[in-house]
Amino acid sequence: MGIKERADYRKKRIVANMARNFKDAENWDLYFWQDLSPEQRLSALVAIRKDIEKVVKARSRSLDVNKNSL
């Protein structure tokens, strides 16, 4: 699944909350994650790790380009 497809998929599944304060936000976040199955939580973690790897690679390439232009 490419970036565009993942973005479209996430937009269809997004869940949002408007908290009155940080404590409300924490409680909502805790409930959200506890309401997911272990498989769903693991899948979210894997997706986040893959996204982080892509960011790190992109930053590394950007730094390499900047070094070469000096």
C-alpha atoms as a PDB file:
ATOM      1  CA  MET A   1       0.000   0.000   0.000  1.00  0.00           C
ATOM      2  CA  GLY A   2       1.462   3.361  -1.034  1.00  0.00           C
ATOM      3  CA  ILE A   3       1.409   6.673   0.801  1.00  0.00           C
ATOM      4  CA  LYS A   4      -1.695   7.946  -1.009  1.00  0.00           C
ATOM      5  CA  GLU A   5      -3.648   4.776  -0.307  1.00  0.00           C
ATOM      6  CA  ARG A   6      -2.587   4.767   3.358  1.00  0.00           C
ATOM      7  CA  ALA A   7      -3.575   8.420   3.719  1.00  0.00           C
ATOM      8  CA  ASP A   8      -6.996   7.794   2.165  1.00  0.00           C
ATOM      9  CA  TYR A   9      -7.508   4.748   4.388  1.00  0.00           C
ATOM     10  CA  ARG A  10      -6.566   6.687   7.521  1.00  0.00           C
ATOM     11  CA  LYS A  11      -8.868   9.591   6.627  1.00  0.00           C
ATOM     12  CA  LYS A  12     -11.789   7.165   6.470  1.00  0.00           C
ATOM     13  CA  ARG A  13     -10.927   5.675   9.872  1.00  0.00           C
ATOM     14  CA  ILE A  14      -9.826   8.761  11.820  1.00  0.00           C
ATOM     15  CA  VAL A  15     -11.233   9.190  15.304  1.00  0.00           C
ATOM     16  CA  ALA A  16     -11.052  12.626  16.907  1.00  0.00           C
ATOM     17  CA  ASN A  17     -11.787  14.147  20.277  1.00  0.00           C
ATOM     18  CA  MET A  18     -12.020  17.685  21.628  1.00  0.00           C
ATOM     19  CA  ALA A  19     -10.809  17.751  25.199  1.00  0.00           C
ATOM     20  CA  ARG A  20     -11.456  20.529  27.683  1.00  0.00           C
ATOM     21  CA  ASN A  21      -8.060  20.080  29.329  1.00  0.00           C
ATOM     22  CA  PHE A  22      -5.003  17.835  29.399  1.00  0.00           C
ATOM     23  CA  LYS A  23      -6.537  15.417  31.907  1.00  0.00           C
ATOM     24  CA  ASP A  24      -9.574  14.883  29.657  1.00  0.00           C
ATOM     25  CA  ALA A  25      -7.224  14.327  26.725  1.00  0.00           C
ATOM     26  CA  GLU A  26      -5.219  11.759  28.685  1.00  0.00           C
ATOM     27  CA  ASN A  27      -8.366   9.904  29.741  1.00  0.00           C
ATOM     28  CA  TRP A  28      -9.733   9.844  26.205  1.00  0.00           C
ATOM     29  CA  ASP A  29      -6.404   8.645  24.824  1.00  0.00           C
ATOM     30  CA  LEU A  30      -6.163   5.892  27.432  1.00  0.00           C
ATOM     31  CA  TYR A  31      -9.721   4.742  26.703  1.00  0.00           C
ATOM     32  CA  PHE A  32      -9.082   4.833  22.942  1.00  0.00           C
ATOM     33  CA  TRP A  33      -6.016   2.582  23.136  1.00  0.00           C
ATOM     34  CA  GLN A  34      -7.495   0.226  25.744  1.00  0.00           C
ATOM     35  CA  ASP A  35     -10.581  -0.208  23.587  1.00  0.00           C
ATOM     36  CA  LEU A  36      -8.457  -1.631  20.748  1.00  0.00           C
ATOM     37  CA  SER A  37      -7.535  -5.274  20.530  1.00  0.00           C
ATOM     38  CA  PRO A  38      -3.897  -6.270  21.116  1.00  0.00           C
ATOM     39  CA  GLU A  39      -3.621  -6.966  17.388  1.00  0.00           C
ATOM     40  CA  GLN A  40      -4.863  -3.454  16.535  1.00  0.00           C
ATOM     41  CA  ARG A  41      -2.430  -1.855  18.984  1.00  0.00           C
ATOM     42  CA  LEU A  42       0.457  -3.890  17.569  1.00  0.00           C
ATOM     43  CA  SER A  43      -0.541  -2.971  14.030  1.00  0.00           C
ATOM     44  CA  ALA A  44      -0.567   0.730  14.989  1.00  0.00           C
ATOM     45  CA  LEU A  45       2.885   0.396  16.549  1.00  0.00           C
ATOM     46  CA  VAL A  46       4.270  -1.298  13.438  1.00  0.00           C
ATOM     47  CA  ALA A  47       2.777   1.423  11.218  1.00  0.00           C
ATOM     48  CA  ILE A  48       4.306   4.150  13.394  1.00  0.00           C
ATOM     49  CA  ARG A  49       7.715   2.463  13.311  1.00  0.00           C
ATOM     50  CA  LYS A  50       7.570   2.179   9.511  1.00  0.00           C
ATOM     51  CA  ASP A  51       6.675   5.867   9.243  1.00  0.00           C
ATOM     52  CA  ILE A  52       9.558   6.807  11.547  1.00  0.00           C
ATOM     53  CA  GLU A  53      11.984   4.728   9.451  1.00  0.00           C
ATOM     54  CA  LYS A  54      10.851   6.611   6.339  1.00  0.00           C
ATOM     55  CA  VAL A  55      11.363   9.975   8.047  1.00  0.00           C
ATOM     56  CA  VAL A  56      14.839   8.992   9.244  1.00  0.00           C
ATOM     57  CA  LYS A  57      15.807   7.835   5.731  1.00  0.00           C
ATOM     58  CA  ALA A  58      14.450  11.022   4.167  1.00  0.00           C
ATOM     59  CA  ARG A  59      16.337  13.191   6.661  1.00  0.00           C
ATOM     60  CA  SER A  60      19.512  11.225   6.026  1.00  0.00           C
ATOM     61  CA  ARG A  61      19.179  11.729   2.266  1.00  0.00           C
ATOM     62  CA  SER A  62      18.501  15.425   2.816  1.00  0.00           C
ATOM     63  CA  LEU A  63      21.615  15.779   4.982  1.00  0.00           C
ATOM     64  CA  ASP A  64      23.691  13.949   2.348  1.00  0.00           C
ATOM     65  CA  VAL A  65      22.451  16.322  -0.366  1.00  0.00           C
ATOM     66  CA  ASN A  66      23.227  19.358   1.794  1.00  0.00           C
ATOM     67  CA  LYS A  67      26.740  18.093   2.580  1.00  0.00           C
ATOM     68  CA  ASN A  68      27.469  17.510  -1.104  1.00  0.00           C
ATOM     69  CA  SER A  69      26.349  21.018  -2.064  1.00  0.00           C
ATOM     70  CA  LEU A  70      28.882  22.680   0.263  1.00  0.00           C
END
